[in-house]
Amino acid sequence: MFDVSRPARFWVTAGILLGASLLFHSVSHGEPIILRQPLHDLPFAFANWTGQERPLPDQVVQKVGVTDYTSRLYVRAADAPVDLYIGYYASQRTGDMIHSPQNCLPGSGWDPIESGYAAIPIPGRSDIVVNEYVIQKDQVKQLVFYWYQSRGRVIASEYAGRFWMMADAISRNRTDGSLVRLITPMNDGKATALSRLLGFTQTIFPRIDALLPK
């Protein structure tokens, strides 16, 4: 595995952002209307999990600029809960772009103390790779999975997400996309929390995938 120096990463990122900015400002025609199901259609009960909607404050919804979202807490007997958030953006040309949890979580007082990737086997398809974070506030730790699900792809990397957004804007006239984020407490230890999120993701992913446009 090779490591890219900080200056190189800076210029790569700057180039991607500049290219995205030029592209968005140069394309004036509207994007196609993509058929999809409302995120509220995601099941509230499956595999012994029961979910409850937890709406975000209006000012938060306006700030993140989502077209549609769902925010839920799923629980099951004798287990810690899983917090689920999905935010869908019909277009990212006009400034309403997906907000990375890497920026939002520290802004809420949660500091990342571990980061990496998790490969999750999904029945009937290839593994998906997601971001895996351990975050901490005071003495409380939580485990986080998140990924970008956009136009038929599941992407962990921020850079890859921006690249494919520009590519699809050119080739398909589409910049729609979604952020999926899962959080669970680590009171019962990291290994147990990891097993819980892995199992939850494997179960709910096909249901999420069925709602989002390909």
N, C-alpha and C. Protein backbone atom coordinates (compact mmCIF):
# COMPACT_ATOMS: atom_id res chain seq x y z
N MET A 1 0.86 -1.20 0.00
CA MET A 1 0.00 0.00 0.00
C MET A 1 0.89 1.24 0.00
N PHE A 2 0.54 2.21 -0.80
CA PHE A 2 1.35 3.42 -0.89
C PHE A 2 0.64 4.56 -0.19
N ASP A 3 1.41 5.54 0.22
CA ASP A 3 0.86 6.70 0.93
C ASP A 3 1.09 7.93 0.06
N VAL A 4 0.06 8.75 -0.08
CA VAL A 4 0.16 9.98 -0.85
C VAL A 4 0.49 11.13 0.09
N SER A 5 1.49 11.92 -0.25
CA SER A 5 1.89 13.02 0.61
C SER A 5 0.77 14.03 0.75
N ARG A 6 0.82 14.80 1.83
CA ARG A 6 -0.20 15.81 2.07
C ARG A 6 -0.30 16.84 0.95
N PRO A 7 0.82 17.37 0.44
CA PRO A 7 0.70 18.32 -0.68
C PRO A 7 0.02 17.69 -1.89
N ALA A 8 0.35 16.44 -2.19
CA ALA A 8 -0.27 15.79 -3.34
C ALA A 8 -1.76 15.62 -3.12
N ARG A 9 -2.16 15.20 -1.90
CA ARG A 9 -3.58 15.05 -1.60
C ARG A 9 -4.30 16.38 -1.73
N PHE A 10 -3.64 17.45 -1.29
CA PHE A 10 -4.25 18.78 -1.37
C PHE A 10 -4.54 19.15 -2.80
N TRP A 11 -3.55 18.96 -3.69
CA TRP A 11 -3.73 19.37 -5.08
C TRP A 11 -4.73 18.47 -5.80
N VAL A 12 -4.76 17.18 -5.46
CA VAL A 12 -5.77 16.29 -6.04
C VAL A 12 -7.16 16.74 -5.63
N THR A 13 -7.33 17.02 -4.33
CA THR A 13 -8.63 17.47 -3.83
C THR A 13 -9.03 18.79 -4.46
N ALA A 14 -8.07 19.73 -4.53
CA ALA A 14 -8.36 21.03 -5.12
C ALA A 14 -8.77 20.88 -6.57
N GLY A 15 -8.09 19.99 -7.30
CA GLY A 15 -8.43 19.78 -8.70
C GLY A 15 -9.83 19.21 -8.87
N ILE A 16 -10.19 18.27 -8.00
CA ILE A 16 -11.54 17.69 -8.07
C ILE A 16 -12.59 18.75 -7.80
N LEU A 17 -12.38 19.55 -6.73
CA LEU A 17 -13.36 20.56 -6.38
C LEU A 17 -13.47 21.64 -7.46
N LEU A 18 -12.33 22.04 -8.04
CA LEU A 18 -12.36 23.03 -9.10
C LEU A 18 -13.10 22.49 -10.31
N GLY A 19 -12.81 21.24 -10.67
CA GLY A 19 -13.50 20.64 -11.80
C GLY A 19 -14.99 20.55 -11.58
N ALA A 20 -15.37 20.17 -10.34
CA ALA A 20 -16.80 20.07 -10.03
C ALA A 20 -17.46 21.43 -10.13
N SER A 21 -16.79 22.46 -9.62
CA SER A 21 -17.35 23.81 -9.65
C SER A 21 -17.55 24.29 -11.09
N LEU A 22 -16.54 24.09 -11.95
CA LEU A 22 -16.65 24.50 -13.34
C LEU A 22 -17.75 23.73 -14.06
N LEU A 23 -17.87 22.45 -13.75
CA LEU A 23 -18.89 21.64 -14.40
C LEU A 23 -20.28 22.11 -14.02
N PHE A 24 -20.51 22.30 -12.71
CA PHE A 24 -21.84 22.68 -12.25
C PHE A 24 -22.26 24.03 -12.81
N HIS A 25 -21.31 24.96 -12.94
CA HIS A 25 -21.65 26.28 -13.44
C HIS A 25 -21.79 26.31 -14.96
N SER A 26 -21.23 25.32 -15.62
CA SER A 26 -21.29 25.32 -17.08
C SER A 26 -22.53 24.62 -17.61
N VAL A 27 -23.14 23.76 -16.81
CA VAL A 27 -24.32 23.02 -17.25
C VAL A 27 -25.56 23.71 -16.71
N SER A 28 -26.39 24.24 -17.59
CA SER A 28 -27.52 25.03 -17.15
C SER A 28 -28.83 24.29 -17.23
N HIS A 29 -28.91 23.21 -18.02
CA HIS A 29 -30.19 22.54 -18.16
C HIS A 29 -30.46 21.65 -16.95
N GLY A 30 -31.75 21.40 -16.68
CA GLY A 30 -32.13 20.65 -15.51
C GLY A 30 -31.81 19.17 -15.63
N GLU A 31 -31.78 18.52 -14.48
CA GLU A 31 -31.54 17.09 -14.46
C GLU A 31 -32.85 16.33 -14.64
N PRO A 32 -32.76 15.08 -15.11
CA PRO A 32 -33.98 14.29 -15.26
C PRO A 32 -34.60 13.97 -13.90
N ILE A 33 -35.90 13.80 -13.88
CA ILE A 33 -36.58 13.40 -12.65
C ILE A 33 -36.43 11.88 -12.51
N ILE A 34 -35.79 11.46 -11.43
CA ILE A 34 -35.50 10.04 -11.23
C ILE A 34 -36.59 9.43 -10.35
N LEU A 35 -37.21 8.37 -10.83
CA LEU A 35 -38.23 7.70 -10.04
C LEU A 35 -37.61 6.96 -8.88
N ARG A 36 -38.18 7.11 -7.72
CA ARG A 36 -37.71 6.41 -6.52
C ARG A 36 -38.86 6.34 -5.54
N GLN A 37 -38.65 5.56 -4.46
CA GLN A 37 -39.65 5.46 -3.41
C GLN A 37 -39.27 6.40 -2.27
N PRO A 38 -40.28 6.94 -1.55
CA PRO A 38 -39.96 7.79 -0.40
C PRO A 38 -39.19 6.99 0.65
N LEU A 39 -38.25 7.65 1.32
CA LEU A 39 -37.47 6.96 2.34
C LEU A 39 -38.33 6.52 3.53
N HIS A 40 -39.48 7.16 3.70
CA HIS A 40 -40.38 6.73 4.78
C HIS A 40 -40.91 5.32 4.53
N ASP A 41 -40.82 4.83 3.28
CA ASP A 41 -41.28 3.48 2.97
C ASP A 41 -40.33 2.41 3.48
N LEU A 42 -39.17 2.79 3.98
CA LEU A 42 -38.27 1.81 4.58
C LEU A 42 -38.98 1.13 5.75
N PRO A 43 -38.94 -0.19 5.85
CA PRO A 43 -39.69 -0.88 6.90
C PRO A 43 -39.27 -0.44 8.31
N PHE A 44 -40.24 -0.34 9.17
CA PHE A 44 -39.97 -0.03 10.58
C PHE A 44 -39.71 -1.30 11.39
N ALA A 45 -40.09 -2.45 10.87
CA ALA A 45 -39.91 -3.71 11.60
C ALA A 45 -39.34 -4.77 10.65
N PHE A 46 -38.25 -5.40 11.06
CA PHE A 46 -37.66 -6.50 10.29
C PHE A 46 -36.66 -7.20 11.19
N ALA A 47 -36.55 -8.52 11.04
CA ALA A 47 -35.53 -9.33 11.72
C ALA A 47 -35.40 -9.00 13.21
N ASN A 48 -36.54 -8.87 13.89
CA ASN A 48 -36.60 -8.57 15.33
C ASN A 48 -36.20 -7.15 15.69
N TRP A 49 -35.90 -6.31 14.72
CA TRP A 49 -35.64 -4.90 14.96
C TRP A 49 -36.92 -4.10 14.78
N THR A 50 -37.13 -3.11 15.63
CA THR A 50 -38.27 -2.21 15.53
C THR A 50 -37.77 -0.78 15.53
N GLY A 51 -38.21 0.00 14.54
CA GLY A 51 -37.72 1.36 14.41
C GLY A 51 -38.76 2.40 14.77
N GLN A 52 -38.25 3.54 15.21
CA GLN A 52 -39.11 4.69 15.52
C GLN A 52 -38.51 5.92 14.88
N GLU A 53 -39.36 6.69 14.16
CA GLU A 53 -38.89 7.90 13.49
C GLU A 53 -38.49 8.94 14.52
N ARG A 54 -37.37 9.60 14.25
CA ARG A 54 -36.87 10.68 15.11
C ARG A 54 -36.56 11.88 14.22
N PRO A 55 -37.58 12.68 13.89
CA PRO A 55 -37.40 13.79 12.95
C PRO A 55 -36.33 14.77 13.42
N LEU A 56 -35.57 15.28 12.47
CA LEU A 56 -34.57 16.31 12.77
C LEU A 56 -35.24 17.67 12.88
N PRO A 57 -34.67 18.60 13.66
CA PRO A 57 -35.21 19.96 13.71
C PRO A 57 -35.24 20.59 12.32
N ASP A 58 -36.24 21.42 12.08
CA ASP A 58 -36.40 22.04 10.76
C ASP A 58 -35.15 22.80 10.32
N GLN A 59 -34.49 23.49 11.27
CA GLN A 59 -33.32 24.27 10.89
C GLN A 59 -32.17 23.37 10.44
N VAL A 60 -32.09 22.15 11.00
CA VAL A 60 -31.05 21.21 10.58
C VAL A 60 -31.35 20.69 9.18
N VAL A 61 -32.62 20.36 8.92
CA VAL A 61 -33.02 19.88 7.60
C VAL A 61 -32.72 20.93 6.54
N GLN A 62 -33.04 22.20 6.84
CA GLN A 62 -32.77 23.27 5.89
C GLN A 62 -31.27 23.45 5.67
N LYS A 63 -30.49 23.29 6.72
CA LYS A 63 -29.05 23.49 6.60
C LYS A 63 -28.40 22.41 5.72
N VAL A 64 -28.80 21.16 5.91
CA VAL A 64 -28.17 20.10 5.13
C VAL A 64 -28.72 20.03 3.71
N GLY A 65 -29.92 20.60 3.48
CA GLY A 65 -30.43 20.74 2.12
C GLY A 65 -30.89 19.46 1.46
N VAL A 66 -31.36 18.48 2.25
CA VAL A 66 -31.79 17.22 1.68
C VAL A 66 -33.12 17.35 0.94
N THR A 67 -33.29 16.52 -0.09
CA THR A 67 -34.57 16.41 -0.77
C THR A 67 -35.52 15.53 0.04
N ASP A 68 -34.99 14.48 0.62
CA ASP A 68 -35.76 13.55 1.44
C ASP A 68 -34.80 12.93 2.45
N TYR A 69 -35.32 12.53 3.59
CA TYR A 69 -34.47 11.88 4.58
C TYR A 69 -35.32 11.03 5.51
N THR A 70 -34.65 10.12 6.22
CA THR A 70 -35.27 9.44 7.35
C THR A 70 -34.24 9.34 8.45
N SER A 71 -34.68 9.54 9.68
CA SER A 71 -33.82 9.46 10.86
C SER A 71 -34.55 8.60 11.88
N ARG A 72 -33.99 7.44 12.21
CA ARG A 72 -34.69 6.47 13.04
C ARG A 72 -33.78 5.85 14.10
N LEU A 73 -34.41 5.36 15.15
CA LEU A 73 -33.73 4.56 16.16
C LEU A 73 -34.34 3.17 16.13
N TYR A 74 -33.50 2.18 15.83
CA TYR A 74 -33.96 0.79 15.80
C TYR A 74 -33.50 0.08 17.08
N VAL A 75 -34.41 -0.68 17.67
CA VAL A 75 -34.11 -1.42 18.89
C VAL A 75 -34.60 -2.85 18.75
N ARG A 76 -33.99 -3.73 19.55
CA ARG A 76 -34.49 -5.09 19.70
C ARG A 76 -34.15 -5.55 21.11
N ALA A 77 -34.84 -6.57 21.57
CA ALA A 77 -34.70 -7.01 22.97
C ALA A 77 -33.26 -7.37 23.30
N ALA A 78 -32.84 -6.94 24.49
CA ALA A 78 -31.53 -7.32 25.05
C ALA A 78 -30.36 -6.92 24.15
N ASP A 79 -30.49 -5.82 23.45
CA ASP A 79 -29.39 -5.37 22.59
C ASP A 79 -29.37 -3.85 22.57
N ALA A 80 -28.21 -3.28 22.31
CA ALA A 80 -28.09 -1.83 22.20
C ALA A 80 -28.74 -1.37 20.90
N PRO A 81 -29.23 -0.13 20.85
CA PRO A 81 -29.92 0.37 19.66
C PRO A 81 -28.97 0.71 18.53
N VAL A 82 -29.55 0.90 17.34
CA VAL A 82 -28.82 1.37 16.16
C VAL A 82 -29.54 2.61 15.65
N ASP A 83 -28.79 3.69 15.52
CA ASP A 83 -29.32 4.94 14.98
C ASP A 83 -29.06 4.96 13.48
N LEU A 84 -30.12 5.15 12.69
CA LEU A 84 -30.02 5.15 11.23
C LEU A 84 -30.39 6.52 10.69
N TYR A 85 -29.56 7.03 9.78
CA TYR A 85 -29.88 8.25 9.04
C TYR A 85 -29.61 8.01 7.57
N ILE A 86 -30.56 8.38 6.71
CA ILE A 86 -30.38 8.37 5.27
C ILE A 86 -30.81 9.73 4.74
N GLY A 87 -29.94 10.38 4.02
CA GLY A 87 -30.27 11.65 3.39
C GLY A 87 -30.13 11.54 1.88
N TYR A 88 -31.19 11.90 1.17
CA TYR A 88 -31.20 11.81 -0.30
C TYR A 88 -31.22 13.20 -0.92
N TYR A 89 -30.38 13.41 -1.93
CA TYR A 89 -30.28 14.67 -2.67
C TYR A 89 -30.64 14.40 -4.13
N ALA A 90 -31.68 15.04 -4.62
CA ALA A 90 -32.08 14.86 -6.01
C ALA A 90 -31.06 15.49 -6.96
N SER A 91 -30.36 16.54 -6.52
CA SER A 91 -29.35 17.22 -7.33
C SER A 91 -28.32 17.83 -6.41
N GLN A 92 -27.05 17.79 -6.84
CA GLN A 92 -25.98 18.43 -6.08
C GLN A 92 -25.29 19.51 -6.90
N ARG A 93 -25.99 20.05 -7.88
CA ARG A 93 -25.40 21.09 -8.74
C ARG A 93 -25.46 22.47 -8.11
N THR A 94 -26.45 22.72 -7.27
CA THR A 94 -26.76 24.10 -6.87
C THR A 94 -26.29 24.44 -5.46
N GLY A 95 -25.35 23.67 -4.92
CA GLY A 95 -24.82 23.99 -3.60
C GLY A 95 -25.32 23.08 -2.50
N ASP A 96 -26.44 22.38 -2.72
CA ASP A 96 -26.94 21.43 -1.74
C ASP A 96 -26.23 20.10 -1.96
N MET A 97 -25.09 19.94 -1.28
CA MET A 97 -24.27 18.75 -1.46
C MET A 97 -24.25 17.93 -0.19
N ILE A 98 -23.95 16.65 -0.34
CA ILE A 98 -23.92 15.74 0.80
C ILE A 98 -22.87 16.20 1.81
N HIS A 99 -23.28 16.28 3.07
CA HIS A 99 -22.38 16.68 4.15
C HIS A 99 -21.70 15.45 4.74
N SER A 100 -20.39 15.43 4.74
CA SER A 100 -19.65 14.29 5.26
C SER A 100 -19.77 14.20 6.78
N PRO A 101 -20.02 13.00 7.33
CA PRO A 101 -20.00 12.83 8.79
C PRO A 101 -18.66 13.21 9.42
N GLN A 102 -17.60 13.17 8.62
CA GLN A 102 -16.30 13.58 9.14
C GLN A 102 -16.32 15.03 9.60
N ASN A 103 -17.21 15.84 9.03
CA ASN A 103 -17.35 17.24 9.44
C ASN A 103 -18.47 17.42 10.44
N CYS A 104 -19.57 16.69 10.25
CA CYS A 104 -20.75 16.90 11.10
C CYS A 104 -20.56 16.36 12.51
N LEU A 105 -19.95 15.18 12.64
CA LEU A 105 -19.84 14.56 13.97
C LEU A 105 -18.95 15.38 14.91
N PRO A 106 -17.76 15.82 14.47
CA PRO A 106 -16.98 16.69 15.37
C PRO A 106 -17.71 17.97 15.73
N GLY A 107 -18.53 18.49 14.80
CA GLY A 107 -19.30 19.69 15.08
C GLY A 107 -20.34 19.46 16.15
N SER A 108 -20.72 18.20 16.39
CA SER A 108 -21.67 17.85 17.44
C SER A 108 -20.98 17.44 18.73
N GLY A 109 -19.66 17.55 18.76
CA GLY A 109 -18.92 17.22 19.98
C GLY A 109 -18.34 15.83 20.01
N TRP A 110 -18.51 15.05 18.94
CA TRP A 110 -17.98 13.69 18.87
C TRP A 110 -16.65 13.71 18.12
N ASP A 111 -15.60 13.25 18.79
CA ASP A 111 -14.27 13.24 18.18
C ASP A 111 -13.95 11.85 17.65
N PRO A 112 -13.47 11.75 16.39
CA PRO A 112 -13.05 10.44 15.87
C PRO A 112 -11.73 10.02 16.50
N ILE A 113 -11.69 8.80 17.03
CA ILE A 113 -10.45 8.31 17.64
C ILE A 113 -9.89 7.09 16.90
N GLU A 114 -10.71 6.48 16.04
CA GLU A 114 -10.25 5.40 15.17
C GLU A 114 -10.99 5.52 13.84
N SER A 115 -10.31 5.18 12.76
CA SER A 115 -10.97 5.22 11.45
C SER A 115 -10.40 4.14 10.56
N GLY A 116 -11.23 3.66 9.66
CA GLY A 116 -10.82 2.63 8.73
C GLY A 116 -11.98 2.26 7.83
N TYR A 117 -11.92 1.06 7.27
CA TYR A 117 -12.96 0.59 6.37
C TYR A 117 -13.42 -0.79 6.81
N ALA A 118 -14.66 -1.11 6.52
CA ALA A 118 -15.20 -2.43 6.78
C ALA A 118 -15.79 -2.98 5.49
N ALA A 119 -15.44 -4.23 5.15
CA ALA A 119 -16.03 -4.91 4.00
C ALA A 119 -17.16 -5.78 4.52
N ILE A 120 -18.36 -5.58 3.97
CA ILE A 120 -19.55 -6.25 4.49
C ILE A 120 -20.13 -7.15 3.42
N PRO A 121 -20.17 -8.47 3.66
CA PRO A 121 -20.80 -9.37 2.68
C PRO A 121 -22.31 -9.14 2.64
N ILE A 122 -22.85 -8.99 1.43
CA ILE A 122 -24.28 -8.81 1.23
C ILE A 122 -24.78 -9.98 0.37
N PRO A 123 -25.75 -10.74 0.86
CA PRO A 123 -26.25 -11.87 0.06
C PRO A 123 -26.75 -11.43 -1.31
N GLY A 124 -26.33 -12.16 -2.34
CA GLY A 124 -26.80 -11.90 -3.69
C GLY A 124 -26.04 -10.85 -4.44
N ARG A 125 -24.98 -10.29 -3.86
CA ARG A 125 -24.18 -9.30 -4.57
C ARG A 125 -22.78 -9.29 -3.98
N SER A 126 -21.89 -8.50 -4.56
CA SER A 126 -20.52 -8.41 -4.04
C SER A 126 -20.51 -7.64 -2.73
N ASP A 127 -19.43 -7.79 -1.98
CA ASP A 127 -19.29 -7.07 -0.71
C ASP A 127 -19.40 -5.57 -0.94
N ILE A 128 -19.89 -4.86 0.06
CA ILE A 128 -19.83 -3.41 0.04
C ILE A 128 -18.74 -2.97 1.03
N VAL A 129 -18.06 -1.89 0.71
CA VAL A 129 -17.01 -1.34 1.58
C VAL A 129 -17.52 -0.02 2.14
N VAL A 130 -17.50 0.12 3.47
CA VAL A 130 -18.03 1.31 4.13
C VAL A 130 -16.97 1.89 5.06
N ASN A 131 -17.17 3.15 5.42
CA ASN A 131 -16.31 3.77 6.42
C ASN A 131 -16.66 3.25 7.81
N GLU A 132 -15.64 2.96 8.60
CA GLU A 132 -15.83 2.51 9.98
C GLU A 132 -15.10 3.49 10.92
N TYR A 133 -15.84 4.10 11.82
CA TYR A 133 -15.27 5.08 12.75
C TYR A 133 -15.64 4.72 14.18
N VAL A 134 -14.72 4.98 15.09
CA VAL A 134 -15.03 5.02 16.52
C VAL A 134 -14.98 6.48 16.94
N ILE A 135 -16.08 6.96 17.52
CA ILE A 135 -16.14 8.35 17.96
C ILE A 135 -16.33 8.39 19.48
N GLN A 136 -15.91 9.49 20.09
CA GLN A 136 -15.97 9.59 21.54
C GLN A 136 -16.36 11.00 21.96
N LYS A 137 -17.22 11.06 22.99
CA LYS A 137 -17.57 12.32 23.65
C LYS A 137 -17.47 12.07 25.14
N ASP A 138 -16.59 12.79 25.83
CA ASP A 138 -16.28 12.51 27.23
C ASP A 138 -15.80 11.06 27.32
N GLN A 139 -16.49 10.20 28.09
CA GLN A 139 -16.08 8.81 28.23
C GLN A 139 -16.96 7.87 27.42
N VAL A 140 -17.86 8.41 26.63
CA VAL A 140 -18.80 7.60 25.85
C VAL A 140 -18.24 7.37 24.44
N LYS A 141 -18.26 6.11 24.01
CA LYS A 141 -17.79 5.76 22.67
C LYS A 141 -18.92 5.15 21.86
N GLN A 142 -18.89 5.43 20.54
CA GLN A 142 -19.86 4.86 19.63
C GLN A 142 -19.15 4.39 18.36
N LEU A 143 -19.75 3.39 17.73
CA LEU A 143 -19.21 2.88 16.48
C LEU A 143 -20.09 3.38 15.33
N VAL A 144 -19.44 3.82 14.26
CA VAL A 144 -20.15 4.43 13.13
C VAL A 144 -19.78 3.70 11.84
N PHE A 145 -20.80 3.37 11.05
CA PHE A 145 -20.63 2.99 9.65
C PHE A 145 -21.27 4.09 8.80
N TYR A 146 -20.63 4.47 7.71
CA TYR A 146 -21.33 5.33 6.75
C TYR A 146 -20.77 5.11 5.36
N TRP A 147 -21.63 5.37 4.38
CA TRP A 147 -21.23 5.24 2.98
C TRP A 147 -22.11 6.14 2.12
N TYR A 148 -21.65 6.34 0.88
CA TYR A 148 -22.40 7.10 -0.11
C TYR A 148 -23.01 6.12 -1.10
N GLN A 149 -24.31 6.21 -1.30
CA GLN A 149 -25.00 5.32 -2.22
C GLN A 149 -25.61 6.19 -3.31
N SER A 150 -24.98 6.14 -4.48
CA SER A 150 -25.30 7.11 -5.52
C SER A 150 -25.35 6.46 -6.88
N ARG A 151 -26.50 6.56 -7.53
CA ARG A 151 -26.66 6.15 -8.92
C ARG A 151 -26.19 4.72 -9.16
N GLY A 152 -26.55 3.82 -8.23
CA GLY A 152 -26.24 2.41 -8.36
C GLY A 152 -24.91 1.99 -7.77
N ARG A 153 -24.16 2.93 -7.17
CA ARG A 153 -22.86 2.59 -6.58
C ARG A 153 -22.88 2.77 -5.07
N VAL A 154 -22.09 1.94 -4.38
CA VAL A 154 -21.84 2.10 -2.95
C VAL A 154 -20.38 2.49 -2.80
N ILE A 155 -20.13 3.68 -2.23
CA ILE A 155 -18.78 4.26 -2.21
C ILE A 155 -18.46 4.71 -0.79
N ALA A 156 -17.26 4.38 -0.34
CA ALA A 156 -16.80 4.85 0.97
C ALA A 156 -15.98 6.14 0.82
N SER A 157 -15.12 6.20 -0.17
CA SER A 157 -14.18 7.31 -0.32
C SER A 157 -14.87 8.61 -0.73
N GLU A 158 -14.53 9.69 -0.03
CA GLU A 158 -15.04 11.01 -0.39
C GLU A 158 -14.56 11.40 -1.80
N TYR A 159 -13.29 11.11 -2.09
CA TYR A 159 -12.73 11.50 -3.38
C TYR A 159 -13.39 10.73 -4.51
N ALA A 160 -13.57 9.42 -4.31
CA ALA A 160 -14.23 8.61 -5.34
C ALA A 160 -15.66 9.07 -5.56
N GLY A 161 -16.33 9.46 -4.47
CA GLY A 161 -17.69 9.95 -4.59
C GLY A 161 -17.78 11.20 -5.45
N ARG A 162 -16.85 12.14 -5.25
CA ARG A 162 -16.83 13.36 -6.05
C ARG A 162 -16.48 13.05 -7.51
N PHE A 163 -15.54 12.13 -7.72
CA PHE A 163 -15.16 11.77 -9.08
C PHE A 163 -16.35 11.22 -9.85
N TRP A 164 -17.06 10.26 -9.25
CA TRP A 164 -18.20 9.64 -9.94
C TRP A 164 -19.35 10.62 -10.10
N MET A 165 -19.49 11.57 -9.19
CA MET A 165 -20.53 12.57 -9.36
C MET A 165 -20.26 13.40 -10.61
N MET A 166 -19.01 13.81 -10.79
CA MET A 166 -18.68 14.59 -11.99
C MET A 166 -18.83 13.74 -13.25
N ALA A 167 -18.37 12.48 -13.19
CA ALA A 167 -18.46 11.61 -14.36
C ALA A 167 -19.91 11.39 -14.75
N ASP A 168 -20.77 11.16 -13.77
CA ASP A 168 -22.18 10.90 -14.07
C ASP A 168 -22.90 12.18 -14.50
N ALA A 169 -22.45 13.32 -14.00
CA ALA A 169 -23.03 14.59 -14.46
C ALA A 169 -22.79 14.78 -15.94
N ILE A 170 -21.60 14.37 -16.41
CA ILE A 170 -21.27 14.52 -17.82
C ILE A 170 -21.96 13.46 -18.66
N SER A 171 -21.88 12.20 -18.22
CA SER A 171 -22.36 11.10 -19.06
C SER A 171 -23.84 10.81 -18.91
N ARG A 172 -24.42 11.14 -17.72
CA ARG A 172 -25.82 10.76 -17.47
C ARG A 172 -26.69 11.95 -17.06
N ASN A 173 -26.08 13.13 -16.97
CA ASN A 173 -26.80 14.33 -16.53
C ASN A 173 -27.46 14.10 -15.17
N ARG A 174 -26.75 13.41 -14.27
CA ARG A 174 -27.29 13.12 -12.95
C ARG A 174 -26.24 13.40 -11.87
N THR A 175 -26.67 14.05 -10.78
CA THR A 175 -25.81 14.23 -9.61
C THR A 175 -26.54 13.81 -8.34
N ASP A 176 -27.67 13.09 -8.48
CA ASP A 176 -28.40 12.65 -7.29
C ASP A 176 -27.54 11.67 -6.48
N GLY A 177 -27.79 11.63 -5.18
CA GLY A 177 -27.02 10.74 -4.33
C GLY A 177 -27.54 10.71 -2.91
N SER A 178 -27.02 9.76 -2.14
CA SER A 178 -27.48 9.57 -0.76
C SER A 178 -26.31 9.31 0.17
N LEU A 179 -26.52 9.68 1.42
CA LEU A 179 -25.62 9.32 2.50
C LEU A 179 -26.37 8.38 3.44
N VAL A 180 -25.75 7.26 3.78
CA VAL A 180 -26.31 6.32 4.76
C VAL A 180 -25.35 6.26 5.94
N ARG A 181 -25.89 6.45 7.15
CA ARG A 181 -25.05 6.45 8.36
C ARG A 181 -25.71 5.63 9.46
N LEU A 182 -24.94 4.76 10.09
CA LEU A 182 -25.40 3.93 11.20
C LEU A 182 -24.50 4.18 12.40
N ILE A 183 -25.10 4.29 13.59
CA ILE A 183 -24.34 4.51 14.82
C ILE A 183 -24.89 3.60 15.91
N THR A 184 -24.01 2.99 16.68
CA THR A 184 -24.44 2.17 17.82
C THR A 184 -23.49 2.38 18.99
N PRO A 185 -24.00 2.32 20.23
CA PRO A 185 -23.13 2.48 21.40
C PRO A 185 -22.13 1.32 21.51
N MET A 186 -21.02 1.59 22.22
CA MET A 186 -20.00 0.57 22.44
C MET A 186 -19.92 0.17 23.91
N ASN A 187 -21.03 0.33 24.64
CA ASN A 187 -21.04 -0.03 26.06
C ASN A 187 -20.71 -1.50 26.27
N ASP A 188 -21.08 -2.35 25.32
CA ASP A 188 -20.85 -3.79 25.44
C ASP A 188 -19.57 -4.23 24.75
N GLY A 189 -18.70 -3.27 24.40
CA GLY A 189 -17.42 -3.60 23.80
C GLY A 189 -17.42 -3.45 22.29
N LYS A 190 -16.25 -3.21 21.72
CA LYS A 190 -16.16 -2.95 20.29
C LYS A 190 -16.55 -4.17 19.47
N ALA A 191 -16.10 -5.36 19.89
CA ALA A 191 -16.38 -6.56 19.11
C ALA A 191 -17.88 -6.80 18.99
N THR A 192 -18.60 -6.63 20.10
CA THR A 192 -20.05 -6.84 20.07
C THR A 192 -20.74 -5.75 19.24
N ALA A 193 -20.29 -4.50 19.41
CA ALA A 193 -20.87 -3.40 18.63
C ALA A 193 -20.63 -3.61 17.14
N LEU A 194 -19.43 -4.08 16.79
CA LEU A 194 -19.11 -4.32 15.38
C LEU A 194 -19.98 -5.44 14.81
N SER A 195 -20.15 -6.50 15.57
CA SER A 195 -21.01 -7.61 15.13
C SER A 195 -22.44 -7.13 14.93
N ARG A 196 -22.91 -6.27 15.83
CA ARG A 196 -24.28 -5.76 15.74
C ARG A 196 -24.45 -4.92 14.47
N LEU A 197 -23.52 -4.01 14.21
CA LEU A 197 -23.64 -3.16 13.02
C LEU A 197 -23.49 -3.97 11.73
N LEU A 198 -22.61 -4.94 11.73
CA LEU A 198 -22.45 -5.78 10.55
C LEU A 198 -23.76 -6.51 10.23
N GLY A 199 -24.35 -7.14 11.26
CA GLY A 199 -25.60 -7.86 11.04
C GLY A 199 -26.73 -6.95 10.64
N PHE A 200 -26.81 -5.78 11.26
CA PHE A 200 -27.87 -4.82 10.93
C PHE A 200 -27.72 -4.34 9.49
N THR A 201 -26.49 -4.03 9.09
CA THR A 201 -26.24 -3.55 7.73
C THR A 201 -26.60 -4.61 6.71
N GLN A 202 -26.21 -5.86 6.97
CA GLN A 202 -26.53 -6.93 6.03
C GLN A 202 -28.03 -7.09 5.85
N THR A 203 -28.78 -6.87 6.94
CA THR A 203 -30.22 -7.06 6.88
C THR A 203 -30.93 -5.89 6.22
N ILE A 204 -30.49 -4.67 6.51
CA ILE A 204 -31.24 -3.51 6.02
C ILE A 204 -30.77 -3.03 4.65
N PHE A 205 -29.55 -3.38 4.25
CA PHE A 205 -29.04 -2.87 2.98
C PHE A 205 -29.94 -3.18 1.79
N PRO A 206 -30.41 -4.43 1.61
CA PRO A 206 -31.28 -4.69 0.45
C PRO A 206 -32.56 -3.85 0.48
N ARG A 207 -33.05 -3.51 1.66
CA ARG A 207 -34.25 -2.70 1.78
C ARG A 207 -33.97 -1.24 1.40
N ILE A 208 -32.80 -0.74 1.79
CA ILE A 208 -32.39 0.61 1.37
C ILE A 208 -32.16 0.65 -0.14
N ASP A 209 -31.46 -0.37 -0.64
CA ASP A 209 -31.11 -0.42 -2.05
C ASP A 209 -32.36 -0.42 -2.93
N ALA A 210 -33.44 -1.02 -2.43
CA ALA A 210 -34.67 -1.07 -3.21
C ALA A 210 -35.34 0.29 -3.34
N LEU A 211 -35.05 1.22 -2.42
CA LEU A 211 -35.69 2.54 -2.44
C LEU A 211 -34.95 3.56 -3.28
N LEU A 212 -33.64 3.40 -3.38
CA LEU A 212 -32.83 4.45 -4.02
C LEU A 212 -32.68 4.19 -5.52
N PRO A 213 -32.64 5.27 -6.32
CA PRO A 213 -32.55 5.12 -7.77
C PRO A 213 -31.19 4.58 -8.18
N LYS A 214 -31.20 3.75 -9.23
CA LYS A 214 -29.98 3.14 -9.75
C LYS A 214 -29.35 4.05 -10.82
